[in-house]
Amino acid sequence: MTSALDCEVCHAAAVRLLRREGEVEVWRCEACGDLKRWCPCCDQSWVRRLRDPADGSELHSCDECEATWPPGVPIGGTGEGLRGFLRRSGKPWSYARLELVRET
């Protein structure tokens, strides 16, 4: 990855590596403060914090490979597939149902 990327929130070329948390790179936009985690599984996209507005439950999932980590499980390793995780948890598989939680 480059040292500065465009932020999809504010579109500034100000996203920079902030720190490493185990296998995960945590990036932050210096313009708007949005935190982003780079996926350790596919090394191609961001891991997003998602919330089900129906019950408030949360998880982390990669935009690209859909590797998923439930609450309390550190992001890293291979992660579980989003569809399998949602099926096992009894939730219908639909991105429309989940909302993105911005972290700053």
Protein backbone atom coordinates (compact mmCIF):
# COMPACT_ATOMS: atom_id res chain seq x y z
CA MET A 1 0.00 0.00 0.00
CA THR A 2 1.04 3.57 -0.47
CA SER A 3 1.63 5.94 2.43
CA ALA A 4 -1.42 8.14 1.65
CA LEU A 5 -4.73 7.06 0.14
CA ASP A 6 -7.95 8.85 -0.75
CA CYS A 7 -10.62 8.72 1.94
CA GLU A 8 -13.99 7.46 0.71
CA VAL A 9 -15.70 9.55 3.41
CA CYS A 10 -14.23 13.01 2.76
CA HIS A 11 -12.24 12.31 -0.47
CA ALA A 12 -9.04 13.87 0.89
CA ALA A 13 -5.73 12.21 0.02
CA ALA A 14 -4.99 11.95 3.72
CA VAL A 15 -5.34 8.30 4.80
CA ARG A 16 -2.16 7.20 6.55
CA LEU A 17 -0.98 4.21 8.54
CA LEU A 18 -1.61 4.93 12.22
CA ARG A 19 -0.53 1.71 13.98
CA ARG A 20 -0.48 -2.06 13.84
CA GLU A 21 -2.72 -4.23 16.02
CA GLY A 22 -1.27 -7.71 15.66
CA GLU A 23 -1.79 -8.71 12.01
CA VAL A 24 -3.96 -5.68 11.27
CA GLU A 25 -2.88 -2.28 9.96
CA VAL A 26 -5.03 0.54 11.35
CA TRP A 27 -5.24 3.58 9.07
CA ARG A 28 -6.71 7.01 9.79
CA CYS A 29 -7.82 9.86 7.58
CA GLU A 30 -6.04 12.95 8.84
CA ALA A 31 -8.76 15.17 7.38
CA CYS A 32 -11.95 13.63 8.85
CA GLY A 33 -10.56 11.22 11.46
CA ASP A 34 -12.19 8.07 10.03
CA LEU A 35 -10.40 4.88 11.20
CA LYS A 36 -9.92 2.01 8.78
CA ARG A 37 -8.48 -1.48 9.20
CA TRP A 38 -6.73 -3.19 6.29
CA CYS A 39 -7.79 -6.83 5.80
CA PRO A 40 -5.10 -9.31 6.87
CA CYS A 41 -6.83 -12.10 4.90
CA CYS A 42 -7.00 -10.75 1.35
CA ASP A 43 -4.73 -7.66 1.68
CA GLN A 44 -7.06 -5.89 -0.78
CA SER A 45 -9.67 -3.91 1.15
CA TRP A 46 -10.95 -2.48 4.41
CA VAL A 47 -12.45 -4.39 7.32
CA ARG A 48 -15.63 -2.57 8.32
CA ARG A 49 -17.50 -2.47 11.60
CA LEU A 50 -21.12 -3.34 10.85
CA ARG A 51 -24.22 -3.16 13.05
CA ASP A 52 -27.61 -4.82 12.75
CA PRO A 53 -30.06 -2.01 13.58
CA ALA A 54 -32.72 -4.57 14.56
CA ASP A 55 -30.84 -5.78 17.63
CA GLY A 56 -27.66 -3.65 17.85
CA SER A 57 -25.33 -6.62 17.37
CA GLU A 58 -22.02 -5.83 15.67
CA LEU A 59 -19.31 -7.60 13.71
CA HIS A 60 -16.29 -6.74 11.57
CA SER A 61 -16.22 -7.81 7.90
CA CYS A 62 -13.96 -7.21 4.90
CA ASP A 63 -15.46 -5.35 1.93
CA GLU A 64 -13.64 -7.61 -0.54
CA CYS A 65 -13.28 -11.17 0.76
CA GLU A 66 -16.08 -11.03 3.38
CA ALA A 67 -13.85 -12.46 6.12
CA THR A 68 -15.82 -11.81 9.30
CA TRP A 69 -14.99 -11.55 12.98
CA PRO A 70 -17.70 -11.53 15.67
CA PRO A 71 -17.53 -9.21 18.70
CA GLY A 72 -14.70 -10.06 21.06
CA VAL A 73 -12.71 -11.96 18.44
CA PRO A 74 -9.52 -10.16 17.38
CA ILE A 75 -9.30 -9.35 13.67
CA GLY A 76 -6.68 -11.63 12.17
CA GLY A 77 -6.14 -15.10 10.80
CA THR A 78 -8.57 -16.23 8.16
CA GLY A 79 -11.85 -14.98 9.60
CA GLU A 80 -15.17 -16.68 8.90
CA GLY A 81 -17.22 -16.06 5.75
CA LEU A 82 -19.94 -13.45 6.27
CA ARG A 83 -22.72 -15.62 4.84
CA GLY A 84 -21.80 -18.54 7.10
CA PHE A 85 -21.55 -16.30 10.14
CA LEU A 86 -24.94 -14.70 9.48
CA ARG A 87 -26.56 -18.07 8.70
CA ARG A 88 -25.15 -19.61 11.89
CA SER A 89 -26.29 -16.62 13.94
CA GLY A 90 -29.80 -16.84 12.48
CA LYS A 91 -29.60 -13.50 10.67
CA PRO A 92 -30.72 -13.12 7.06
CA TRP A 93 -27.80 -12.52 4.67
CA SER A 94 -28.25 -8.99 3.44
CA TYR A 95 -25.87 -6.07 3.37
CA ALA A 96 -28.97 -3.88 3.22
CA ARG A 97 -29.84 -5.00 6.73
CA LEU A 98 -26.42 -4.08 8.15
CA GLU A 99 -25.29 -0.49 8.65
CA LEU A 100 -21.74 0.79 8.60
CA VAL A 101 -20.42 2.11 11.93
CA ARG A 102 -17.87 4.86 11.39
CA GLU A 103 -15.01 4.87 13.86
CA THR A 104 -13.01 7.96 14.72
